Amino acid sequence: MAMGRPRSFDTDKALDEAMEVFWRHGYDGASLAMLTRAMGIKPPSLYAAFGSKEGLLKAALDRYAQRRSAHMGFVLAAPTARDVAERFLGSIADSHTDPANPPGCLLVQGGLACGEGSEHIPFALASKRAMTEAELRDRFLQARQEGDLPDDADPAALARFLSTVASGMGVLASSGADRDALREVARVAVNAFERTGRDPGCGSPSGS
């Protein structure tokens, strides 16, 4: 059985570079020339490794999700539901305005201005956002079971709320909003979230 030629480039590094191009220019705006130049490879190598431009985007999204996964572990380990919301949105404000990255969020920016033949790309990006939303929902379900959220709290709605706020923060960042502006959005959202919890003075056996 003939063996395929080994790749002559660092796949992770190439995906990081492709990720930034998609992040800055969106799927349609990221031309093959931009991608191959950033990755330091020729078009045949791109097609051999990833199959197509769409295949490259999916691989870059998997790489992006992998990088976010470790951080989500930190977010979800927060002791209360409110702390989870605060960590999640606070990290969004910081990462979306980190000068080391393009502004905004790849999962929002990557799907902007998708034209004919790439209409399904936003759905691929939405599926990645849905994974984070599902993790938040499960954490809030745990919080409700533990009494950290009231019995009538809706974990799915809370997760959707945070996901929607995070997406909006990504749009603001891509439009030039600075870190302070995003942190203010995060503070307002967390305060609204806090009102879903029980009043700590209610139901105390001591009445205090």
N, C-alpha and C. Protein backbone atom coordinates (compact mmCIF):
# COMPACT_ATOMS: atom_id res chain seq x y z
N MET A 1 0.85 -1.20 0.00
CA MET A 1 0.00 0.00 0.00
C MET A 1 0.89 1.25 0.00
N ALA A 2 0.64 2.15 -0.94
CA ALA A 2 1.47 3.34 -1.05
C ALA A 2 1.16 4.30 0.09
N MET A 3 2.19 4.90 0.61
CA MET A 3 2.03 5.86 1.70
C MET A 3 1.93 7.26 1.12
N GLY A 4 1.02 8.09 1.68
CA GLY A 4 0.92 9.48 1.23
C GLY A 4 2.13 10.27 1.67
N ARG A 5 2.39 11.33 0.95
CA ARG A 5 3.52 12.17 1.31
C ARG A 5 3.25 12.88 2.62
N PRO A 6 4.22 12.90 3.54
CA PRO A 6 4.02 13.60 4.81
C PRO A 6 3.88 15.11 4.58
N ARG A 7 3.12 15.74 5.43
CA ARG A 7 2.94 17.18 5.31
C ARG A 7 4.25 17.88 5.65
N SER A 8 4.55 18.89 4.87
CA SER A 8 5.80 19.61 5.07
C SER A 8 5.60 20.90 5.84
N PHE A 9 4.46 21.01 6.56
CA PHE A 9 4.20 22.22 7.35
C PHE A 9 3.56 21.85 8.67
N ASP A 10 3.65 22.76 9.61
CA ASP A 10 3.08 22.58 10.94
C ASP A 10 1.58 22.86 10.85
N THR A 11 0.78 21.81 10.99
CA THR A 11 -0.66 21.95 10.80
C THR A 11 -1.29 22.93 11.79
N ASP A 12 -0.92 22.82 13.07
CA ASP A 12 -1.50 23.71 14.08
C ASP A 12 -1.16 25.16 13.80
N LYS A 13 0.09 25.42 13.46
CA LYS A 13 0.50 26.80 13.15
C LYS A 13 -0.24 27.31 11.91
N ALA A 14 -0.36 26.47 10.89
CA ALA A 14 -1.06 26.86 9.67
C ALA A 14 -2.53 27.17 9.97
N LEU A 15 -3.15 26.35 10.83
CA LEU A 15 -4.55 26.59 11.18
C LEU A 15 -4.71 27.88 11.99
N ASP A 16 -3.75 28.17 12.86
CA ASP A 16 -3.81 29.43 13.61
C ASP A 16 -3.76 30.62 12.66
N GLU A 17 -2.93 30.52 11.63
CA GLU A 17 -2.83 31.61 10.66
C GLU A 17 -4.12 31.72 9.82
N ALA A 18 -4.65 30.58 9.41
CA ALA A 18 -5.90 30.59 8.64
C ALA A 18 -7.04 31.14 9.48
N MET A 19 -7.06 30.76 10.75
CA MET A 19 -8.08 31.24 11.67
C MET A 19 -8.10 32.76 11.71
N GLU A 20 -6.93 33.36 11.76
CA GLU A 20 -6.86 34.83 11.83
C GLU A 20 -7.37 35.46 10.55
N VAL A 21 -7.07 34.85 9.41
CA VAL A 21 -7.56 35.40 8.14
C VAL A 21 -9.09 35.33 8.10
N PHE A 22 -9.67 34.19 8.45
CA PHE A 22 -11.13 34.07 8.48
C PHE A 22 -11.73 35.06 9.49
N TRP A 23 -11.05 35.22 10.60
CA TRP A 23 -11.50 36.10 11.68
C TRP A 23 -11.56 37.54 11.20
N ARG A 24 -10.54 37.96 10.47
CA ARG A 24 -10.46 39.36 10.02
C ARG A 24 -11.36 39.65 8.81
N HIS A 25 -11.49 38.68 7.92
CA HIS A 25 -12.11 38.95 6.63
C HIS A 25 -13.42 38.20 6.39
N GLY A 26 -13.80 37.27 7.28
CA GLY A 26 -14.98 36.46 7.03
C GLY A 26 -14.68 35.38 6.00
N TYR A 27 -15.62 34.46 5.83
CA TYR A 27 -15.38 33.33 4.93
C TYR A 27 -15.23 33.79 3.48
N ASP A 28 -16.17 34.60 3.00
CA ASP A 28 -16.10 35.03 1.60
C ASP A 28 -14.93 35.97 1.36
N GLY A 29 -14.64 36.82 2.34
CA GLY A 29 -13.56 37.79 2.17
C GLY A 29 -12.17 37.19 2.23
N ALA A 30 -12.07 35.99 2.79
CA ALA A 30 -10.77 35.32 2.90
C ALA A 30 -10.49 34.59 1.59
N SER A 31 -9.68 35.18 0.75
CA SER A 31 -9.37 34.57 -0.54
C SER A 31 -8.35 33.44 -0.37
N LEU A 32 -8.31 32.58 -1.36
CA LEU A 32 -7.34 31.48 -1.33
C LEU A 32 -5.92 32.04 -1.26
N ALA A 33 -5.66 33.12 -1.98
CA ALA A 33 -4.32 33.73 -1.96
C ALA A 33 -3.98 34.23 -0.56
N MET A 34 -4.94 34.88 0.11
CA MET A 34 -4.71 35.35 1.49
C MET A 34 -4.38 34.18 2.41
N LEU A 35 -5.18 33.12 2.29
CA LEU A 35 -5.03 31.98 3.18
C LEU A 35 -3.69 31.29 2.99
N THR A 36 -3.36 30.97 1.75
CA THR A 36 -2.10 30.25 1.50
C THR A 36 -0.89 31.10 1.86
N ARG A 37 -0.98 32.41 1.59
CA ARG A 37 0.14 33.29 1.95
C ARG A 37 0.33 33.31 3.47
N ALA A 38 -0.76 33.45 4.22
CA ALA A 38 -0.67 33.48 5.67
C ALA A 38 -0.17 32.15 6.23
N MET A 39 -0.60 31.05 5.62
CA MET A 39 -0.24 29.72 6.11
C MET A 39 1.15 29.30 5.65
N GLY A 40 1.69 30.01 4.66
CA GLY A 40 3.02 29.68 4.14
C GLY A 40 3.04 28.40 3.33
N ILE A 41 1.94 28.13 2.61
CA ILE A 41 1.86 26.92 1.80
C ILE A 41 1.31 27.26 0.42
N LYS A 42 1.34 26.30 -0.48
CA LYS A 42 0.78 26.45 -1.82
C LYS A 42 -0.63 25.86 -1.86
N PRO A 43 -1.45 26.30 -2.81
CA PRO A 43 -2.81 25.77 -2.90
C PRO A 43 -2.90 24.25 -2.93
N PRO A 44 -2.02 23.52 -3.67
CA PRO A 44 -2.13 22.06 -3.66
C PRO A 44 -1.98 21.47 -2.26
N SER A 45 -1.12 22.09 -1.44
CA SER A 45 -0.95 21.59 -0.07
C SER A 45 -2.19 21.83 0.76
N LEU A 46 -2.85 22.99 0.53
CA LEU A 46 -4.09 23.28 1.25
C LEU A 46 -5.15 22.23 0.91
N TYR A 47 -5.32 21.96 -0.39
CA TYR A 47 -6.35 21.01 -0.81
C TYR A 47 -6.01 19.59 -0.35
N ALA A 48 -4.72 19.24 -0.37
CA ALA A 48 -4.32 17.90 0.07
C ALA A 48 -4.59 17.70 1.55
N ALA A 49 -4.39 18.75 2.34
CA ALA A 49 -4.54 18.63 3.79
C ALA A 49 -5.98 18.80 4.25
N PHE A 50 -6.73 19.70 3.60
CA PHE A 50 -8.06 20.06 4.13
C PHE A 50 -9.20 19.84 3.13
N GLY A 51 -8.88 19.50 1.91
CA GLY A 51 -9.90 19.17 0.93
C GLY A 51 -10.48 20.34 0.17
N SER A 52 -10.71 21.44 0.86
CA SER A 52 -11.34 22.61 0.25
C SER A 52 -11.20 23.79 1.20
N LYS A 53 -11.61 24.94 0.72
CA LYS A 53 -11.62 26.12 1.59
C LYS A 53 -12.60 25.90 2.75
N GLU A 54 -13.73 25.30 2.47
CA GLU A 54 -14.69 25.00 3.54
C GLU A 54 -14.11 24.02 4.54
N GLY A 55 -13.39 23.03 4.04
CA GLY A 55 -12.74 22.08 4.94
C GLY A 55 -11.71 22.76 5.83
N LEU A 56 -11.02 23.74 5.26
CA LEU A 56 -10.04 24.50 6.05
C LEU A 56 -10.75 25.30 7.14
N LEU A 57 -11.87 25.93 6.79
CA LEU A 57 -12.61 26.68 7.81
C LEU A 57 -13.06 25.76 8.93
N LYS A 58 -13.57 24.60 8.59
CA LYS A 58 -14.04 23.68 9.64
C LYS A 58 -12.89 23.24 10.54
N ALA A 59 -11.72 23.00 9.93
CA ALA A 59 -10.56 22.63 10.73
C ALA A 59 -10.12 23.79 11.62
N ALA A 60 -10.20 25.01 11.09
CA ALA A 60 -9.84 26.19 11.88
C ALA A 60 -10.84 26.38 13.02
N LEU A 61 -12.12 26.12 12.76
CA LEU A 61 -13.13 26.23 13.82
C LEU A 61 -12.89 25.20 14.91
N ASP A 62 -12.50 23.99 14.52
CA ASP A 62 -12.19 22.96 15.52
C ASP A 62 -11.00 23.40 16.37
N ARG A 63 -10.02 24.01 15.72
CA ARG A 63 -8.84 24.52 16.44
C ARG A 63 -9.25 25.63 17.40
N TYR A 64 -10.12 26.52 16.94
CA TYR A 64 -10.61 27.62 17.77
C TYR A 64 -11.39 27.07 18.97
N ALA A 65 -12.24 26.08 18.72
CA ALA A 65 -13.03 25.48 19.79
C ALA A 65 -12.13 24.78 20.80
N GLN A 66 -11.07 24.17 20.31
CA GLN A 66 -10.12 23.50 21.20
C GLN A 66 -9.47 24.51 22.14
N ARG A 67 -9.11 25.66 21.61
CA ARG A 67 -8.49 26.69 22.42
C ARG A 67 -9.46 27.26 23.44
N ARG A 68 -10.74 27.35 23.07
CA ARG A 68 -11.75 27.88 23.97
C ARG A 68 -12.15 26.88 25.06
N SER A 69 -11.97 25.59 24.76
CA SER A 69 -12.45 24.55 25.66
C SER A 69 -11.81 24.63 27.04
N ALA A 70 -10.49 24.83 27.08
CA ALA A 70 -9.79 24.90 28.36
C ALA A 70 -10.30 26.09 29.16
N HIS A 71 -10.53 27.20 28.49
CA HIS A 71 -11.03 28.38 29.19
C HIS A 71 -12.45 28.16 29.70
N MET A 72 -13.28 27.47 28.94
CA MET A 72 -14.64 27.21 29.39
C MET A 72 -14.63 26.34 30.65
N GLY A 73 -13.63 25.49 30.78
CA GLY A 73 -13.50 24.71 32.01
C GLY A 73 -13.36 25.63 33.21
N PHE A 74 -12.57 26.69 33.07
CA PHE A 74 -12.40 27.68 34.13
C PHE A 74 -13.71 28.42 34.39
N VAL A 75 -14.41 28.79 33.34
CA VAL A 75 -15.68 29.51 33.48
C VAL A 75 -16.70 28.66 34.23
N LEU A 76 -16.86 27.43 33.82
CA LEU A 76 -17.89 26.56 34.38
C LEU A 76 -17.57 26.11 35.81
N ALA A 77 -16.30 26.22 36.20
CA ALA A 77 -15.90 25.82 37.56
C ALA A 77 -16.18 26.90 38.59
N ALA A 78 -16.68 28.06 38.16
CA ALA A 78 -17.00 29.13 39.10
C ALA A 78 -18.02 28.62 40.13
N PRO A 79 -17.94 29.10 41.37
CA PRO A 79 -18.76 28.52 42.44
C PRO A 79 -20.26 28.77 42.36
N THR A 80 -20.68 29.87 41.72
CA THR A 80 -22.11 30.16 41.62
C THR A 80 -22.47 30.47 40.17
N ALA A 81 -23.76 30.43 39.90
CA ALA A 81 -24.24 30.75 38.54
C ALA A 81 -23.88 32.18 38.16
N ARG A 82 -23.99 33.10 39.12
CA ARG A 82 -23.64 34.48 38.84
C ARG A 82 -22.15 34.59 38.52
N ASP A 83 -21.33 33.87 39.26
CA ASP A 83 -19.89 33.89 38.99
C ASP A 83 -19.57 33.32 37.61
N VAL A 84 -20.32 32.29 37.21
CA VAL A 84 -20.15 31.73 35.86
C VAL A 84 -20.42 32.82 34.83
N ALA A 85 -21.53 33.54 34.99
CA ALA A 85 -21.88 34.61 34.05
C ALA A 85 -20.82 35.70 34.04
N GLU A 86 -20.33 36.05 35.22
CA GLU A 86 -19.32 37.10 35.33
C GLU A 86 -18.01 36.69 34.65
N ARG A 87 -17.58 35.46 34.90
CA ARG A 87 -16.36 34.97 34.26
C ARG A 87 -16.52 34.89 32.75
N PHE A 88 -17.66 34.40 32.32
CA PHE A 88 -17.90 34.20 30.89
C PHE A 88 -17.88 35.53 30.15
N LEU A 89 -18.69 36.49 30.60
CA LEU A 89 -18.78 37.76 29.89
C LEU A 89 -17.53 38.61 30.10
N GLY A 90 -16.92 38.51 31.28
CA GLY A 90 -15.68 39.25 31.51
C GLY A 90 -14.57 38.79 30.58
N SER A 91 -14.50 37.48 30.37
CA SER A 91 -13.47 36.95 29.48
C SER A 91 -13.77 37.33 28.03
N ILE A 92 -15.06 37.43 27.68
CA ILE A 92 -15.43 37.87 26.34
C ILE A 92 -14.96 39.30 26.11
N ALA A 93 -15.20 40.17 27.09
CA ALA A 93 -14.77 41.56 26.97
C ALA A 93 -13.26 41.65 26.78
N ASP A 94 -12.52 40.85 27.51
CA ASP A 94 -11.06 40.89 27.41
C ASP A 94 -10.55 40.30 26.10
N SER A 95 -11.07 39.13 25.74
CA SER A 95 -10.55 38.46 24.55
C SER A 95 -10.92 39.19 23.26
N HIS A 96 -12.11 39.79 23.22
CA HIS A 96 -12.57 40.46 22.01
C HIS A 96 -11.83 41.78 21.77
N THR A 97 -11.15 42.26 22.79
CA THR A 97 -10.38 43.50 22.64
C THR A 97 -8.89 43.27 22.87
N ASP A 98 -8.48 42.02 22.83
CA ASP A 98 -7.06 41.67 22.99
C ASP A 98 -6.32 42.06 21.71
N PRO A 99 -5.33 42.95 21.80
CA PRO A 99 -4.63 43.36 20.57
C PRO A 99 -3.89 42.23 19.88
N ALA A 100 -3.69 41.11 20.57
CA ALA A 100 -3.03 39.97 19.96
C ALA A 100 -3.96 39.23 18.99
N ASN A 101 -5.26 39.51 19.07
CA ASN A 101 -6.25 38.87 18.20
C ASN A 101 -6.96 39.92 17.35
N PRO A 102 -7.59 39.49 16.25
CA PRO A 102 -8.49 40.41 15.54
C PRO A 102 -9.63 40.79 16.47
N PRO A 103 -10.24 41.96 16.28
CA PRO A 103 -11.36 42.34 17.14
C PRO A 103 -12.57 41.45 16.92
N GLY A 104 -13.37 41.33 17.97
CA GLY A 104 -14.59 40.55 17.84
C GLY A 104 -14.35 39.06 18.04
N CYS A 105 -15.22 38.26 17.43
CA CYS A 105 -15.22 36.82 17.64
C CYS A 105 -15.24 36.10 16.30
N LEU A 106 -14.40 35.10 16.15
CA LEU A 106 -14.37 34.32 14.91
C LEU A 106 -15.73 33.72 14.60
N LEU A 107 -16.46 33.28 15.62
CA LEU A 107 -17.74 32.61 15.39
C LEU A 107 -18.82 33.57 14.92
N VAL A 108 -18.58 34.87 15.04
CA VAL A 108 -19.47 35.88 14.48
C VAL A 108 -18.89 36.42 13.17
N GLN A 109 -17.63 36.85 13.24
CA GLN A 109 -16.99 37.46 12.08
C GLN A 109 -16.87 36.51 10.89
N GLY A 110 -16.61 35.25 11.18
CA GLY A 110 -16.37 34.29 10.11
C GLY A 110 -17.54 34.09 9.19
N GLY A 111 -18.75 34.39 9.68
CA GLY A 111 -19.94 34.15 8.86
C GLY A 111 -20.52 35.39 8.22
N LEU A 112 -19.86 36.54 8.40
CA LEU A 112 -20.40 37.76 7.82
C LEU A 112 -20.24 37.78 6.31
N ALA A 113 -21.21 38.32 5.64
CA ALA A 113 -21.18 38.55 4.19
C ALA A 113 -20.92 37.27 3.40
N CYS A 114 -21.59 36.18 3.79
CA CYS A 114 -21.46 34.93 3.03
C CYS A 114 -22.39 35.00 1.82
N GLY A 115 -21.83 34.79 0.64
CA GLY A 115 -22.59 34.92 -0.58
C GLY A 115 -23.06 33.58 -1.12
N GLU A 116 -23.40 33.58 -2.39
CA GLU A 116 -23.93 32.39 -3.04
C GLU A 116 -22.92 31.24 -2.95
N GLY A 117 -23.42 30.08 -2.57
CA GLY A 117 -22.56 28.91 -2.46
C GLY A 117 -21.96 28.73 -1.07
N SER A 118 -22.11 29.75 -0.22
CA SER A 118 -21.56 29.62 1.14
C SER A 118 -22.60 30.00 2.19
N GLU A 119 -23.88 29.91 1.81
CA GLU A 119 -24.95 30.29 2.73
C GLU A 119 -24.99 29.43 3.97
N HIS A 120 -24.45 28.21 3.87
CA HIS A 120 -24.51 27.29 5.01
C HIS A 120 -23.41 27.55 6.02
N ILE A 121 -22.43 28.40 5.69
CA ILE A 121 -21.33 28.67 6.60
C ILE A 121 -21.81 29.24 7.94
N PRO A 122 -22.75 30.21 7.94
CA PRO A 122 -23.23 30.71 9.23
C PRO A 122 -23.80 29.60 10.12
N PHE A 123 -24.38 28.57 9.53
CA PHE A 123 -24.93 27.48 10.33
C PHE A 123 -23.81 26.66 10.98
N ALA A 124 -22.69 26.51 10.26
CA ALA A 124 -21.54 25.81 10.84
C ALA A 124 -20.99 26.58 12.02
N LEU A 125 -20.95 27.91 11.89
CA LEU A 125 -20.48 28.75 12.98
C LEU A 125 -21.47 28.71 14.15
N ALA A 126 -22.74 28.73 13.83
CA ALA A 126 -23.77 28.71 14.88
C ALA A 126 -23.70 27.41 15.68
N SER A 127 -23.33 26.31 15.02
CA SER A 127 -23.25 25.03 15.74
C SER A 127 -22.15 25.07 16.79
N LYS A 128 -21.07 25.80 16.50
CA LYS A 128 -19.99 25.94 17.49
C LYS A 128 -20.45 26.81 18.66
N ARG A 129 -21.18 27.88 18.36
CA ARG A 129 -21.71 28.72 19.45
C ARG A 129 -22.69 27.92 20.29
N ALA A 130 -23.45 27.03 19.64
CA ALA A 130 -24.43 26.23 20.36
C ALA A 130 -23.76 25.29 21.37
N MET A 131 -22.55 24.86 21.07
CA MET A 131 -21.83 23.99 22.01
C MET A 131 -21.55 24.71 23.33
N THR A 132 -21.12 25.97 23.23
CA THR A 132 -20.88 26.76 24.43
C THR A 132 -22.18 27.00 25.17
N GLU A 133 -23.24 27.30 24.43
CA GLU A 133 -24.54 27.53 25.05
C GLU A 133 -25.01 26.28 25.81
N ALA A 134 -24.77 25.11 25.23
CA ALA A 134 -25.18 23.86 25.89
C ALA A 134 -24.40 23.64 27.18
N GLU A 135 -23.11 24.00 27.17
CA GLU A 135 -22.30 23.86 28.39
C GLU A 135 -22.82 24.79 29.49
N LEU A 136 -23.17 26.01 29.12
CA LEU A 136 -23.72 26.94 30.11
C LEU A 136 -25.07 26.45 30.63
N ARG A 137 -25.91 25.94 29.73
CA ARG A 137 -27.22 25.42 30.14
C ARG A 137 -27.07 24.30 31.17
N ASP A 138 -26.17 23.37 30.91
CA ASP A 138 -25.97 22.25 31.84
C ASP A 138 -25.46 22.75 33.19
N ARG A 139 -24.59 23.77 33.15
CA ARG A 139 -24.07 24.32 34.41
C ARG A 139 -25.17 25.01 35.19
N PHE A 140 -26.07 25.71 34.51
CA PHE A 140 -27.16 26.38 35.21
C PHE A 140 -28.21 25.39 35.71
N LEU A 141 -28.37 24.29 35.00
CA LEU A 141 -29.24 23.23 35.49
C LEU A 141 -28.69 22.68 36.80
N GLN A 142 -27.37 22.49 36.86
CA GLN A 142 -26.72 22.05 38.09
C GLN A 142 -26.94 23.07 39.20
N ALA A 143 -26.80 24.36 38.86
CA ALA A 143 -26.99 25.42 39.85
C ALA A 143 -28.42 25.39 40.41
N ARG A 144 -29.39 25.13 39.55
CA ARG A 144 -30.78 25.07 40.02
C ARG A 144 -30.98 23.87 40.94
N GLN A 145 -30.38 22.75 40.56
CA GLN A 145 -30.51 21.54 41.38
C GLN A 145 -29.86 21.73 42.76
N GLU A 146 -28.82 22.55 42.80
CA GLU A 146 -28.09 22.78 44.06
C GLU A 146 -28.70 23.91 44.88
N GLY A 147 -29.74 24.55 44.36
CA GLY A 147 -30.38 25.64 45.08
C GLY A 147 -29.74 26.99 44.87
N ASP A 148 -28.76 27.06 43.98
CA ASP A 148 -28.10 28.33 43.69
C ASP A 148 -28.99 29.20 42.79
N LEU A 149 -29.87 28.58 42.03
CA LEU A 149 -30.89 29.28 41.25
C LEU A 149 -32.26 28.84 41.73
N PRO A 150 -33.27 29.69 41.62
CA PRO A 150 -34.61 29.31 42.07
C PRO A 150 -35.20 28.20 41.21
N ASP A 151 -36.18 27.52 41.75
CA ASP A 151 -36.78 26.39 41.05
C ASP A 151 -37.40 26.78 39.72
N ASP A 152 -37.86 28.03 39.61
CA ASP A 152 -38.50 28.45 38.37
C ASP A 152 -37.52 29.06 37.37
N ALA A 153 -36.23 29.03 37.68
CA ALA A 153 -35.22 29.53 36.72
C ALA A 153 -35.18 28.61 35.51
N ASP A 154 -34.94 29.18 34.36
CA ASP A 154 -34.88 28.42 33.11
C ASP A 154 -33.42 28.36 32.64
N PRO A 155 -32.72 27.26 32.89
CA PRO A 155 -31.30 27.16 32.51
C PRO A 155 -31.06 27.41 31.03
N ALA A 156 -31.95 26.91 30.18
CA ALA A 156 -31.77 27.10 28.74
C ALA A 156 -31.90 28.58 28.36
N ALA A 157 -32.87 29.27 28.95
CA ALA A 157 -33.05 30.69 28.65
C ALA A 157 -31.88 31.52 29.16
N LEU A 158 -31.37 31.18 30.33
CA LEU A 158 -30.21 31.89 30.87
C LEU A 158 -28.99 31.70 29.98
N ALA A 159 -28.78 30.48 29.53
CA ALA A 159 -27.65 30.21 28.65
C ALA A 159 -27.80 30.95 27.33
N ARG A 160 -29.02 30.96 26.80
CA ARG A 160 -29.28 31.67 25.54
C ARG A 160 -29.07 33.17 25.70
N PHE A 161 -29.47 33.70 26.85
CA PHE A 161 -29.27 35.11 27.13
C PHE A 161 -27.79 35.46 27.11
N LEU A 162 -26.98 34.68 27.82
CA LEU A 162 -25.54 34.97 27.86
C LEU A 162 -24.91 34.81 26.49
N SER A 163 -25.33 33.78 25.76
CA SER A 163 -24.80 33.56 24.41
C SER A 163 -25.13 34.73 23.49
N THR A 164 -26.35 35.25 23.62
CA THR A 164 -26.77 36.38 22.80
C THR A 164 -25.99 37.64 23.15
N VAL A 165 -25.81 37.88 24.45
CA VAL A 165 -25.02 39.03 24.89
C VAL A 165 -23.58 38.91 24.37
N ALA A 166 -23.01 37.70 24.46
CA ALA A 166 -21.64 37.49 24.00
C ALA A 166 -21.51 37.78 22.50
N SER A 167 -22.50 37.33 21.72
CA SER A 167 -22.46 37.60 20.28
C SER A 167 -22.56 39.10 20.01
N GLY A 168 -23.42 39.77 20.75
CA GLY A 168 -23.54 41.22 20.59
C GLY A 168 -22.25 41.94 20.96
N MET A 169 -21.57 41.46 21.99
CA MET A 169 -20.30 42.06 22.37
C MET A 169 -19.27 41.87 21.26
N GLY A 170 -19.34 40.73 20.56
CA GLY A 170 -18.44 40.50 19.45
C GLY A 170 -18.67 41.49 18.32
N VAL A 171 -19.94 41.77 18.04
CA VAL A 171 -20.27 42.74 17.00
C VAL A 171 -19.79 44.13 17.41
N LEU A 172 -20.00 44.51 18.67
CA LEU A 172 -19.53 45.81 19.15
C LEU A 172 -18.02 45.94 19.02
N ALA A 173 -17.30 44.88 19.41
CA ALA A 173 -15.84 44.92 19.34
C ALA A 173 -15.36 45.06 17.90
N SER A 174 -16.00 44.36 16.99
CA SER A 174 -15.61 44.44 15.58
C SER A 174 -15.91 45.81 14.99
N SER A 175 -16.82 46.54 15.66
CA SER A 175 -17.17 47.89 15.19
C SER A 175 -16.33 48.97 15.87
N GLY A 176 -15.41 48.54 16.72
CA GLY A 176 -14.49 49.49 17.33
C GLY A 176 -14.71 49.78 18.79
N ALA A 177 -15.68 49.13 19.44
CA ALA A 177 -15.90 49.36 20.86
C ALA A 177 -14.68 48.91 21.66
N ASP A 178 -14.32 49.68 22.69
CA ASP A 178 -13.14 49.33 23.47
C ASP A 178 -13.50 48.41 24.64
N ARG A 179 -12.47 48.02 25.38
CA ARG A 179 -12.67 47.06 26.47
C ARG A 179 -13.61 47.59 27.55
N ASP A 180 -13.47 48.87 27.88
CA ASP A 180 -14.34 49.44 28.91
C ASP A 180 -15.80 49.37 28.50
N ALA A 181 -16.07 49.62 27.23
CA ALA A 181 -17.46 49.57 26.75
C ALA A 181 -18.00 48.15 26.86
N LEU A 182 -17.20 47.17 26.51
CA LEU A 182 -17.65 45.78 26.59
C LEU A 182 -17.82 45.33 28.03
N ARG A 183 -16.93 45.79 28.89
CA ARG A 183 -17.06 45.43 30.31
C ARG A 183 -18.32 46.04 30.91
N GLU A 184 -18.71 47.22 30.45
CA GLU A 184 -19.94 47.83 30.94
C GLU A 184 -21.15 46.99 30.52
N VAL A 185 -21.14 46.51 29.27
CA VAL A 185 -22.21 45.61 28.82
C VAL A 185 -22.24 44.37 29.70
N ALA A 186 -21.07 43.81 29.98
CA ALA A 186 -20.99 42.61 30.81
C ALA A 186 -21.54 42.87 32.20
N ARG A 187 -21.21 44.02 32.78
CA ARG A 187 -21.70 44.34 34.13
C ARG A 187 -23.23 44.43 34.15
N VAL A 188 -23.79 45.09 33.16
CA VAL A 188 -25.25 45.22 33.10
C VAL A 188 -25.90 43.84 32.97
N ALA A 189 -25.33 43.01 32.10
CA ALA A 189 -25.90 41.68 31.88
C ALA A 189 -25.81 40.82 33.13
N VAL A 190 -24.69 40.89 33.81
CA VAL A 190 -24.52 40.10 35.04
C VAL A 190 -25.49 40.57 36.12
N ASN A 191 -25.70 41.87 36.22
CA ASN A 191 -26.66 42.38 37.20
C ASN A 191 -28.07 41.87 36.92
N ALA A 192 -28.44 41.81 35.65
CA ALA A 192 -29.74 41.27 35.30
C ALA A 192 -29.81 39.79 35.66
N PHE A 193 -28.72 39.10 35.43
CA PHE A 193 -28.65 37.68 35.74
C PHE A 193 -28.78 37.46 37.24
N GLU A 194 -28.18 38.31 38.02
CA GLU A 194 -28.20 38.17 39.47
C GLU A 194 -29.63 38.18 40.01
N ARG A 195 -30.50 38.89 39.35
CA ARG A 195 -31.88 38.97 39.82
C ARG A 195 -32.65 37.67 39.66
N THR A 196 -32.04 36.69 38.94
CA THR A 196 -32.71 35.40 38.83
C THR A 196 -32.50 34.56 40.07
N GLY A 197 -31.53 34.94 40.91
CA GLY A 197 -31.22 34.13 42.08
C GLY A 197 -32.14 34.42 43.24
N ARG A 198 -32.05 33.60 44.27
CA ARG A 198 -32.86 33.80 45.46
C ARG A 198 -32.34 34.96 46.27
N ASP A 199 -33.24 35.67 46.92
CA ASP A 199 -32.83 36.68 47.89
C ASP A 199 -32.20 35.94 49.05
N PRO A 200 -30.91 36.23 49.37
CA PRO A 200 -30.25 35.48 50.44
C PRO A 200 -30.91 35.66 51.79
N GLY A 201 -31.77 36.69 51.94
CA GLY A 201 -32.44 36.88 53.23
C GLY A 201 -33.72 36.08 53.35
N CYS A 202 -34.15 35.46 52.25
CA CYS A 202 -35.41 34.71 52.28
C CYS A 202 -35.16 33.25 52.61
N GLY A 203 -35.99 32.70 53.40
CA GLY A 203 -35.94 31.29 53.67
C GLY A 203 -34.86 30.89 54.64
N SER A 204 -34.21 31.85 55.28
CA SER A 204 -33.17 31.52 56.26
C SER A 204 -33.82 31.08 57.55
N PRO A 205 -33.39 29.92 58.12
CA PRO A 205 -34.02 29.44 59.35
C PRO A 205 -33.92 30.44 60.48
N SER A 206 -32.83 31.26 60.48
CA SER A 206 -32.66 32.19 61.58
C SER A 206 -33.43 33.48 61.36
N GLY A 207 -33.90 33.65 60.10
CA GLY A 207 -34.64 34.86 59.78
C GLY A 207 -33.73 36.04 59.54
N SER A 208 -32.41 35.84 59.58
CA SER A 208 -31.47 36.94 59.39
C SER A 208 -31.15 37.09 57.91
